[in-house]
Amino acid sequence: MNKKLCLVIMTIVVFSCQSIDKKEKPDPFIQEERMVEILTDIAYVKAAKISYKKKLEEKHFDPEAYILKKHGIDSLVFEKNRAWYITKLDRYKKVFDSVKKQLEKRKVAYEELEKKEDSLKRKEDSLRMFIHNKNKEKREIKQLKKERKKK
C-alpha cells in the first residue's frame, strides 16, 4: 500500500512539473535596454520613497506611476513584460546586472560630484575667511589712522 501511494505521488509530482506555463512574448514588448532604464528609475524611486515618504504622501504622488508614465507604458504592460522576463531567467539576470551597473556608474558620478562640491565649499569658505580677514585688517588700519590723526 505504501509503495503504491509513493508511486502515485511521485508520478503526480513528475507530471505536474512538466506543465510549466510558458509565457508568450508580450505585446507591446519592452526591449532589454528600455527595461533596464525603467528598472533603474524604479530603483531610484524606491530609494526616494524611503527618504521622502512623508512628502510624497502629502502631495499624493505615486512615484511608480510617474516612472511608468515617463516611459510611456501602463502598469499592465510593465507587469506582463516583467512576468515574461522572469520566465527567461538568463535575460532577466542580464537586465538586473545592467541595472546594477547603471546604479554603480551613477553612484560613482554622484560621489565625484559630491567631492567637487565639498572642494568648492572649502575654497568658498577659505575665500570668505580671507575676505573677512582683509576687511578686519582694513578696519584696523582705519582705526590706526584715526588714532594717529588724533595725536
N, C-alpha and C. Protein backbone atom coordinates (compact mmCIF):
# COMPACT_ATOMS: atom_id res chain seq x y z
N MET A 1 0.83 -1.19 0.00
CA MET A 1 0.00 0.00 0.00
C MET A 1 0.87 1.25 0.00
N ASN A 2 1.87 1.33 0.89
CA ASN A 2 2.75 2.49 0.96
C ASN A 2 3.55 2.68 -0.32
N LYS A 3 3.99 1.57 -0.91
CA LYS A 3 4.76 1.65 -2.15
C LYS A 3 3.88 2.19 -3.28
N LYS A 4 2.63 1.74 -3.34
CA LYS A 4 1.71 2.21 -4.38
C LYS A 4 1.42 3.70 -4.18
N LEU A 5 1.20 4.11 -2.95
CA LEU A 5 0.94 5.52 -2.65
C LEU A 5 2.13 6.39 -3.03
N CYS A 6 3.32 5.94 -2.67
CA CYS A 6 4.54 6.68 -3.04
C CYS A 6 4.69 6.78 -4.54
N LEU A 7 4.39 5.68 -5.25
CA LEU A 7 4.49 5.67 -6.71
C LEU A 7 3.49 6.66 -7.33
N VAL A 8 2.28 6.68 -6.81
CA VAL A 8 1.26 7.60 -7.30
C VAL A 8 1.68 9.05 -7.05
N ILE A 9 2.17 9.34 -5.86
CA ILE A 9 2.60 10.70 -5.52
C ILE A 9 3.77 11.13 -6.39
N MET A 10 4.74 10.22 -6.58
CA MET A 10 5.89 10.55 -7.43
C MET A 10 5.44 10.80 -8.87
N THR A 11 4.52 10.02 -9.37
CA THR A 11 4.01 10.20 -10.73
C THR A 11 3.33 11.56 -10.86
N ILE A 12 2.52 11.92 -9.88
CA ILE A 12 1.83 13.21 -9.89
C ILE A 12 2.84 14.35 -9.88
N VAL A 13 3.83 14.23 -9.03
CA VAL A 13 4.86 15.27 -8.93
C VAL A 13 5.60 15.42 -10.25
N VAL A 14 6.00 14.30 -10.85
CA VAL A 14 6.75 14.35 -12.11
C VAL A 14 5.91 15.00 -13.20
N PHE A 15 4.65 14.60 -13.32
CA PHE A 15 3.81 15.16 -14.37
C PHE A 15 3.41 16.61 -14.09
N SER A 16 3.28 16.97 -12.84
CA SER A 16 2.93 18.36 -12.52
C SER A 16 4.09 19.29 -12.85
N CYS A 17 5.31 18.80 -12.75
CA CYS A 17 6.48 19.62 -13.10
C CYS A 17 6.56 19.86 -14.60
N GLN A 18 5.97 18.99 -15.37
CA GLN A 18 6.02 19.11 -16.82
C GLN A 18 5.07 20.16 -17.37
N SER A 19 4.12 20.61 -16.59
CA SER A 19 3.11 21.53 -17.09
C SER A 19 3.42 22.98 -16.74
N ILE A 20 4.69 23.36 -16.81
CA ILE A 20 5.06 24.74 -16.53
C ILE A 20 4.51 25.62 -17.64
N ASP A 21 3.83 26.66 -17.24
CA ASP A 21 3.19 27.58 -18.18
C ASP A 21 4.24 28.46 -18.84
N LYS A 22 4.43 28.29 -20.14
CA LYS A 22 5.37 29.12 -20.89
C LYS A 22 4.63 30.39 -21.33
N LYS A 23 5.17 31.52 -20.92
CA LYS A 23 4.54 32.80 -21.27
C LYS A 23 4.95 33.20 -22.67
N GLU A 24 3.98 33.74 -23.39
CA GLU A 24 4.29 34.27 -24.72
C GLU A 24 4.89 35.65 -24.57
N LYS A 25 5.68 36.04 -25.55
CA LYS A 25 6.28 37.38 -25.54
C LYS A 25 5.14 38.39 -25.56
N PRO A 26 5.14 39.31 -24.60
CA PRO A 26 4.04 40.27 -24.51
C PRO A 26 4.04 41.26 -25.67
N ASP A 27 2.87 41.80 -25.91
CA ASP A 27 2.72 42.84 -26.93
C ASP A 27 2.02 44.01 -26.28
N PRO A 28 2.61 45.17 -26.19
CA PRO A 28 3.93 45.54 -26.70
C PRO A 28 5.04 44.98 -25.83
N PHE A 29 6.15 44.67 -26.49
CA PHE A 29 7.31 44.10 -25.81
C PHE A 29 8.29 45.21 -25.44
N ILE A 30 8.79 45.17 -24.22
CA ILE A 30 9.78 46.15 -23.76
C ILE A 30 11.17 45.53 -23.95
N GLN A 31 11.95 46.15 -24.82
CA GLN A 31 13.31 45.66 -25.08
C GLN A 31 14.16 45.74 -23.82
N GLU A 32 15.22 44.95 -23.78
CA GLU A 32 16.08 44.87 -22.59
C GLU A 32 16.62 46.24 -22.18
N GLU A 33 17.11 47.02 -23.15
CA GLU A 33 17.70 48.32 -22.82
C GLU A 33 16.68 49.23 -22.13
N ARG A 34 15.48 49.22 -22.65
CA ARG A 34 14.42 50.06 -22.08
C ARG A 34 13.99 49.52 -20.71
N MET A 35 13.96 48.21 -20.57
CA MET A 35 13.62 47.59 -19.29
C MET A 35 14.66 47.99 -18.24
N VAL A 36 15.92 48.04 -18.65
CA VAL A 36 16.99 48.47 -17.75
C VAL A 36 16.73 49.90 -17.28
N GLU A 37 16.37 50.78 -18.22
CA GLU A 37 16.09 52.18 -17.86
C GLU A 37 14.93 52.26 -16.87
N ILE A 38 13.87 51.53 -17.15
CA ILE A 38 12.68 51.56 -16.29
C ILE A 38 13.02 51.04 -14.89
N LEU A 39 13.70 49.89 -14.84
CA LEU A 39 14.03 49.31 -13.53
C LEU A 39 15.04 50.17 -12.76
N THR A 40 15.92 50.85 -13.48
CA THR A 40 16.87 51.76 -12.82
C THR A 40 16.10 52.92 -12.20
N ASP A 41 15.17 53.49 -12.96
CA ASP A 41 14.35 54.58 -12.43
C ASP A 41 13.54 54.11 -11.22
N ILE A 42 13.00 52.90 -11.31
CA ILE A 42 12.22 52.37 -10.20
C ILE A 42 13.09 52.19 -8.96
N ALA A 43 14.34 51.79 -9.14
CA ALA A 43 15.26 51.66 -8.01
C ALA A 43 15.46 53.01 -7.33
N TYR A 44 15.60 54.08 -8.14
CA TYR A 44 15.74 55.41 -7.56
C TYR A 44 14.48 55.82 -6.82
N VAL A 45 13.34 55.50 -7.40
CA VAL A 45 12.07 55.86 -6.79
C VAL A 45 11.91 55.17 -5.44
N LYS A 46 12.29 53.90 -5.39
CA LYS A 46 12.18 53.17 -4.12
C LYS A 46 13.08 53.78 -3.06
N ALA A 47 14.27 54.22 -3.48
CA ALA A 47 15.17 54.88 -2.53
C ALA A 47 14.57 56.21 -2.07
N ALA A 48 13.98 56.95 -3.00
CA ALA A 48 13.37 58.23 -2.67
C ALA A 48 12.18 58.03 -1.74
N LYS A 49 11.44 56.96 -1.95
CA LYS A 49 10.28 56.70 -1.08
C LYS A 49 10.70 56.50 0.36
N ILE A 50 11.88 55.93 0.55
CA ILE A 50 12.38 55.73 1.91
C ILE A 50 12.73 57.08 2.53
N SER A 51 13.41 57.91 1.77
CA SER A 51 13.89 59.19 2.29
C SER A 51 12.80 60.27 2.37
N TYR A 52 11.88 60.25 1.41
CA TYR A 52 10.89 61.33 1.32
C TYR A 52 9.46 60.82 1.41
N LYS A 53 9.25 59.76 2.16
CA LYS A 53 7.94 59.13 2.23
C LYS A 53 6.84 60.12 2.62
N LYS A 54 7.09 60.89 3.66
CA LYS A 54 6.07 61.82 4.16
C LYS A 54 5.72 62.87 3.11
N LYS A 55 6.73 63.45 2.47
CA LYS A 55 6.48 64.47 1.45
C LYS A 55 5.69 63.90 0.28
N LEU A 56 6.05 62.69 -0.14
CA LEU A 56 5.34 62.06 -1.26
C LEU A 56 3.89 61.79 -0.89
N GLU A 57 3.66 61.35 0.34
CA GLU A 57 2.29 61.08 0.79
C GLU A 57 1.49 62.37 0.88
N GLU A 58 2.12 63.44 1.38
CA GLU A 58 1.42 64.73 1.49
C GLU A 58 0.96 65.24 0.13
N LYS A 59 1.77 65.02 -0.87
CA LYS A 59 1.44 65.50 -2.22
C LYS A 59 0.65 64.48 -3.03
N HIS A 60 0.34 63.33 -2.42
CA HIS A 60 -0.38 62.25 -3.09
C HIS A 60 0.30 61.88 -4.41
N PHE A 61 1.61 61.75 -4.33
CA PHE A 61 2.41 61.47 -5.51
C PHE A 61 2.78 59.99 -5.53
N ASP A 62 2.45 59.33 -6.64
CA ASP A 62 2.77 57.91 -6.81
C ASP A 62 3.98 57.80 -7.73
N PRO A 63 5.16 57.62 -7.16
CA PRO A 63 6.38 57.63 -7.97
C PRO A 63 6.43 56.52 -9.03
N GLU A 64 5.94 55.32 -8.69
CA GLU A 64 5.96 54.24 -9.67
C GLU A 64 5.11 54.59 -10.88
N ALA A 65 3.93 55.15 -10.64
CA ALA A 65 3.06 55.55 -11.75
C ALA A 65 3.75 56.62 -12.60
N TYR A 66 4.45 57.53 -11.93
CA TYR A 66 5.18 58.57 -12.65
C TYR A 66 6.25 57.96 -13.56
N ILE A 67 6.99 56.98 -13.06
CA ILE A 67 8.04 56.33 -13.86
C ILE A 67 7.44 55.64 -15.07
N LEU A 68 6.36 54.91 -14.86
CA LEU A 68 5.74 54.21 -15.99
C LEU A 68 5.21 55.21 -17.02
N LYS A 69 4.61 56.30 -16.53
CA LYS A 69 4.11 57.34 -17.44
C LYS A 69 5.28 57.98 -18.21
N LYS A 70 6.38 58.22 -17.51
CA LYS A 70 7.58 58.79 -18.12
C LYS A 70 8.06 57.92 -19.29
N HIS A 71 7.94 56.61 -19.14
CA HIS A 71 8.40 55.68 -20.17
C HIS A 71 7.28 55.30 -21.15
N GLY A 72 6.11 55.91 -20.98
CA GLY A 72 5.02 55.71 -21.93
C GLY A 72 4.37 54.33 -21.88
N ILE A 73 4.35 53.73 -20.70
CA ILE A 73 3.69 52.43 -20.56
C ILE A 73 2.78 52.45 -19.34
N ASP A 74 1.85 51.50 -19.32
CA ASP A 74 1.00 51.41 -18.13
C ASP A 74 1.45 50.21 -17.29
N SER A 75 0.87 50.09 -16.12
CA SER A 75 1.30 49.05 -15.18
C SER A 75 1.04 47.65 -15.72
N LEU A 76 -0.02 47.46 -16.51
CA LEU A 76 -0.33 46.15 -17.05
C LEU A 76 0.75 45.72 -18.05
N VAL A 77 1.14 46.63 -18.94
CA VAL A 77 2.19 46.33 -19.91
C VAL A 77 3.49 45.99 -19.18
N PHE A 78 3.80 46.78 -18.16
CA PHE A 78 5.03 46.54 -17.41
C PHE A 78 4.98 45.17 -16.73
N GLU A 79 3.87 44.86 -16.08
CA GLU A 79 3.75 43.58 -15.37
C GLU A 79 3.82 42.39 -16.32
N LYS A 80 3.18 42.50 -17.48
CA LYS A 80 3.25 41.40 -18.46
C LYS A 80 4.69 41.19 -18.92
N ASN A 81 5.39 42.28 -19.17
CA ASN A 81 6.78 42.18 -19.60
C ASN A 81 7.66 41.63 -18.48
N ARG A 82 7.43 42.12 -17.26
CA ARG A 82 8.21 41.64 -16.12
C ARG A 82 7.98 40.14 -15.93
N ALA A 83 6.73 39.70 -16.04
CA ALA A 83 6.40 38.28 -15.90
C ALA A 83 7.08 37.46 -16.99
N TRP A 84 7.13 37.99 -18.21
CA TRP A 84 7.79 37.28 -19.31
C TRP A 84 9.29 37.17 -19.04
N TYR A 85 9.90 38.29 -18.61
CA TYR A 85 11.34 38.27 -18.33
C TYR A 85 11.67 37.28 -17.20
N ILE A 86 10.78 37.16 -16.23
CA ILE A 86 11.01 36.23 -15.13
C ILE A 86 11.11 34.79 -15.65
N THR A 87 10.36 34.47 -16.69
CA THR A 87 10.44 33.11 -17.25
C THR A 87 11.72 32.90 -18.05
N LYS A 88 12.39 33.97 -18.37
CA LYS A 88 13.67 33.90 -19.10
C LYS A 88 14.77 34.37 -18.16
N LEU A 89 15.10 33.52 -17.21
CA LEU A 89 16.00 33.91 -16.12
C LEU A 89 17.34 34.45 -16.60
N ASP A 90 17.89 33.89 -17.67
CA ASP A 90 19.18 34.39 -18.16
C ASP A 90 19.05 35.83 -18.65
N ARG A 91 17.97 36.14 -19.34
CA ARG A 91 17.75 37.52 -19.81
C ARG A 91 17.44 38.45 -18.64
N TYR A 92 16.65 37.95 -17.70
CA TYR A 92 16.28 38.77 -16.54
C TYR A 92 17.52 39.09 -15.70
N LYS A 93 18.40 38.12 -15.55
CA LYS A 93 19.65 38.35 -14.82
C LYS A 93 20.50 39.37 -15.56
N LYS A 94 20.53 39.27 -16.88
CA LYS A 94 21.29 40.24 -17.69
C LYS A 94 20.73 41.65 -17.50
N VAL A 95 19.41 41.76 -17.46
CA VAL A 95 18.77 43.06 -17.24
C VAL A 95 19.15 43.60 -15.86
N PHE A 96 19.06 42.77 -14.84
CA PHE A 96 19.38 43.23 -13.49
C PHE A 96 20.86 43.54 -13.32
N ASP A 97 21.71 42.80 -14.01
CA ASP A 97 23.15 43.12 -13.97
C ASP A 97 23.38 44.50 -14.59
N SER A 98 22.66 44.79 -15.66
CA SER A 98 22.78 46.11 -16.30
C SER A 98 22.25 47.21 -15.39
N VAL A 99 21.16 46.93 -14.70
CA VAL A 99 20.61 47.90 -13.74
C VAL A 99 21.65 48.18 -12.66
N LYS A 100 22.25 47.12 -12.15
CA LYS A 100 23.26 47.26 -11.11
C LYS A 100 24.44 48.10 -11.61
N LYS A 101 24.89 47.85 -12.84
CA LYS A 101 25.99 48.63 -13.42
C LYS A 101 25.60 50.10 -13.55
N GLN A 102 24.37 50.36 -13.99
CA GLN A 102 23.90 51.75 -14.11
C GLN A 102 23.90 52.45 -12.75
N LEU A 103 23.40 51.76 -11.75
CA LEU A 103 23.36 52.34 -10.40
C LEU A 103 24.77 52.60 -9.88
N GLU A 104 25.69 51.68 -10.15
CA GLU A 104 27.08 51.87 -9.72
C GLU A 104 27.71 53.06 -10.43
N LYS A 105 27.48 53.17 -11.74
CA LYS A 105 28.01 54.31 -12.51
C LYS A 105 27.51 55.62 -11.95
N ARG A 106 26.22 55.68 -11.70
CA ARG A 106 25.63 56.90 -11.17
C ARG A 106 26.11 57.19 -9.76
N LYS A 107 26.35 56.14 -8.99
CA LYS A 107 26.86 56.32 -7.63
C LYS A 107 28.25 56.94 -7.69
N VAL A 108 29.10 56.41 -8.58
CA VAL A 108 30.46 56.94 -8.73
C VAL A 108 30.40 58.40 -9.19
N ALA A 109 29.54 58.68 -10.16
CA ALA A 109 29.40 60.06 -10.66
C ALA A 109 28.92 60.98 -9.54
N TYR A 110 27.98 60.50 -8.74
CA TYR A 110 27.47 61.28 -7.62
C TYR A 110 28.57 61.56 -6.61
N GLU A 111 29.35 60.52 -6.29
CA GLU A 111 30.43 60.69 -5.32
C GLU A 111 31.47 61.69 -5.83
N GLU A 112 31.77 61.64 -7.13
CA GLU A 112 32.72 62.59 -7.71
C GLU A 112 32.16 64.01 -7.63
N LEU A 113 30.89 64.16 -7.94
CA LEU A 113 30.25 65.46 -7.85
C LEU A 113 30.25 65.97 -6.41
N GLU A 114 29.98 65.08 -5.49
CA GLU A 114 29.98 65.44 -4.07
C GLU A 114 31.37 65.92 -3.64
N LYS A 115 32.42 65.24 -4.11
CA LYS A 115 33.79 65.65 -3.79
C LYS A 115 34.08 67.04 -4.35
N LYS A 116 33.64 67.29 -5.58
CA LYS A 116 33.84 68.61 -6.20
C LYS A 116 33.11 69.69 -5.41
N GLU A 117 31.87 69.38 -5.01
CA GLU A 117 31.10 70.35 -4.23
C GLU A 117 31.78 70.63 -2.90
N ASP A 118 32.29 69.58 -2.25
CA ASP A 118 32.99 69.77 -0.98
C ASP A 118 34.24 70.62 -1.18
N SER A 119 34.95 70.36 -2.25
CA SER A 119 36.16 71.13 -2.56
C SER A 119 35.80 72.60 -2.80
N LEU A 120 34.74 72.82 -3.58
CA LEU A 120 34.29 74.19 -3.84
C LEU A 120 33.84 74.87 -2.55
N LYS A 121 33.18 74.13 -1.69
CA LYS A 121 32.73 74.69 -0.41
C LYS A 121 33.92 75.09 0.45
N ARG A 122 34.94 74.22 0.48
CA ARG A 122 36.15 74.56 1.25
C ARG A 122 36.83 75.80 0.68
N LYS A 123 36.90 75.89 -0.66
CA LYS A 123 37.51 77.06 -1.29
C LYS A 123 36.68 78.31 -1.00
N GLU A 124 35.37 78.16 -1.07
CA GLU A 124 34.47 79.28 -0.78
C GLU A 124 34.65 79.73 0.67
N ASP A 125 34.72 78.76 1.58
CA ASP A 125 34.94 79.09 2.99
C ASP A 125 36.28 79.79 3.19
N SER A 126 37.31 79.30 2.52
CA SER A 126 38.63 79.94 2.62
C SER A 126 38.60 81.35 2.07
N LEU A 127 37.93 81.53 0.95
CA LEU A 127 37.81 82.86 0.36
C LEU A 127 37.03 83.79 1.29
N ARG A 128 35.96 83.28 1.85
CA ARG A 128 35.16 84.07 2.79
C ARG A 128 36.01 84.48 4.00
N MET A 129 36.81 83.55 4.51
CA MET A 129 37.68 83.84 5.64
C MET A 129 38.75 84.86 5.25
N PHE A 130 39.28 84.70 4.04
CA PHE A 130 40.29 85.64 3.54
C PHE A 130 39.70 87.05 3.45
N ILE A 131 38.52 87.16 2.88
CA ILE A 131 37.85 88.46 2.76
C ILE A 131 37.56 89.04 4.14
N HIS A 132 37.09 88.18 5.04
CA HIS A 132 36.81 88.63 6.40
C HIS A 132 38.08 89.19 7.05
N ASN A 133 39.18 88.46 6.90
CA ASN A 133 40.46 88.92 7.47
C ASN A 133 40.93 90.22 6.83
N LYS A 134 40.77 90.33 5.51
CA LYS A 134 41.16 91.57 4.81
C LYS A 134 40.33 92.74 5.31
N ASN A 135 39.03 92.52 5.45
CA ASN A 135 38.16 93.59 5.96
C ASN A 135 38.53 93.97 7.39
N LYS A 136 38.88 92.99 8.17
CA LYS A 136 39.30 93.23 9.55
C LYS A 136 40.59 94.07 9.56
N GLU A 137 41.52 93.70 8.66
CA GLU A 137 42.77 94.46 8.54
C GLU A 137 42.48 95.91 8.14
N LYS A 138 41.58 96.09 7.17
CA LYS A 138 41.24 97.44 6.72
C LYS A 138 40.65 98.26 7.87
N ARG A 139 39.76 97.63 8.64
CA ARG A 139 39.18 98.34 9.79
C ARG A 139 40.26 98.71 10.80
N GLU A 140 41.17 97.78 11.04
CA GLU A 140 42.27 98.06 11.98
C GLU A 140 43.16 99.19 11.46
N ILE A 141 43.44 99.18 10.16
CA ILE A 141 44.26 100.25 9.57
C ILE A 141 43.55 101.59 9.69
N LYS A 142 42.25 101.62 9.40
CA LYS A 142 41.47 102.85 9.54
C LYS A 142 41.51 103.35 10.98
N GLN A 143 41.36 102.39 11.90
CA GLN A 143 41.39 102.75 13.31
C GLN A 143 42.74 103.34 13.69
N LEU A 144 43.82 102.73 13.21
CA LEU A 144 45.17 103.23 13.49
C LEU A 144 45.36 104.63 12.90
N LYS A 145 44.88 104.84 11.67
CA LYS A 145 44.98 106.15 11.05
C LYS A 145 44.24 107.20 11.86
N LYS A 146 43.04 106.84 12.34
CA LYS A 146 42.26 107.78 13.17
C LYS A 146 43.03 108.12 14.44
N GLU A 147 43.60 107.11 15.03
CA GLU A 147 44.37 107.33 16.27
C GLU A 147 45.59 108.22 16.02
N ARG A 148 46.26 108.08 14.90
CA ARG A 148 47.42 108.90 14.55
C ARG A 148 47.02 110.35 14.33
N LYS A 149 45.87 110.52 13.67
CA LYS A 149 45.40 111.89 13.41
C LYS A 149 45.08 112.60 14.72
N LYS A 150 44.59 111.89 15.67
CA LYS A 150 44.24 112.48 16.95
C LYS A 150 45.49 112.92 17.70
N LYS A 151 46.61 112.30 17.49
CA LYS A 151 47.84 112.60 18.21
C LYS A 151 48.46 113.79 17.61
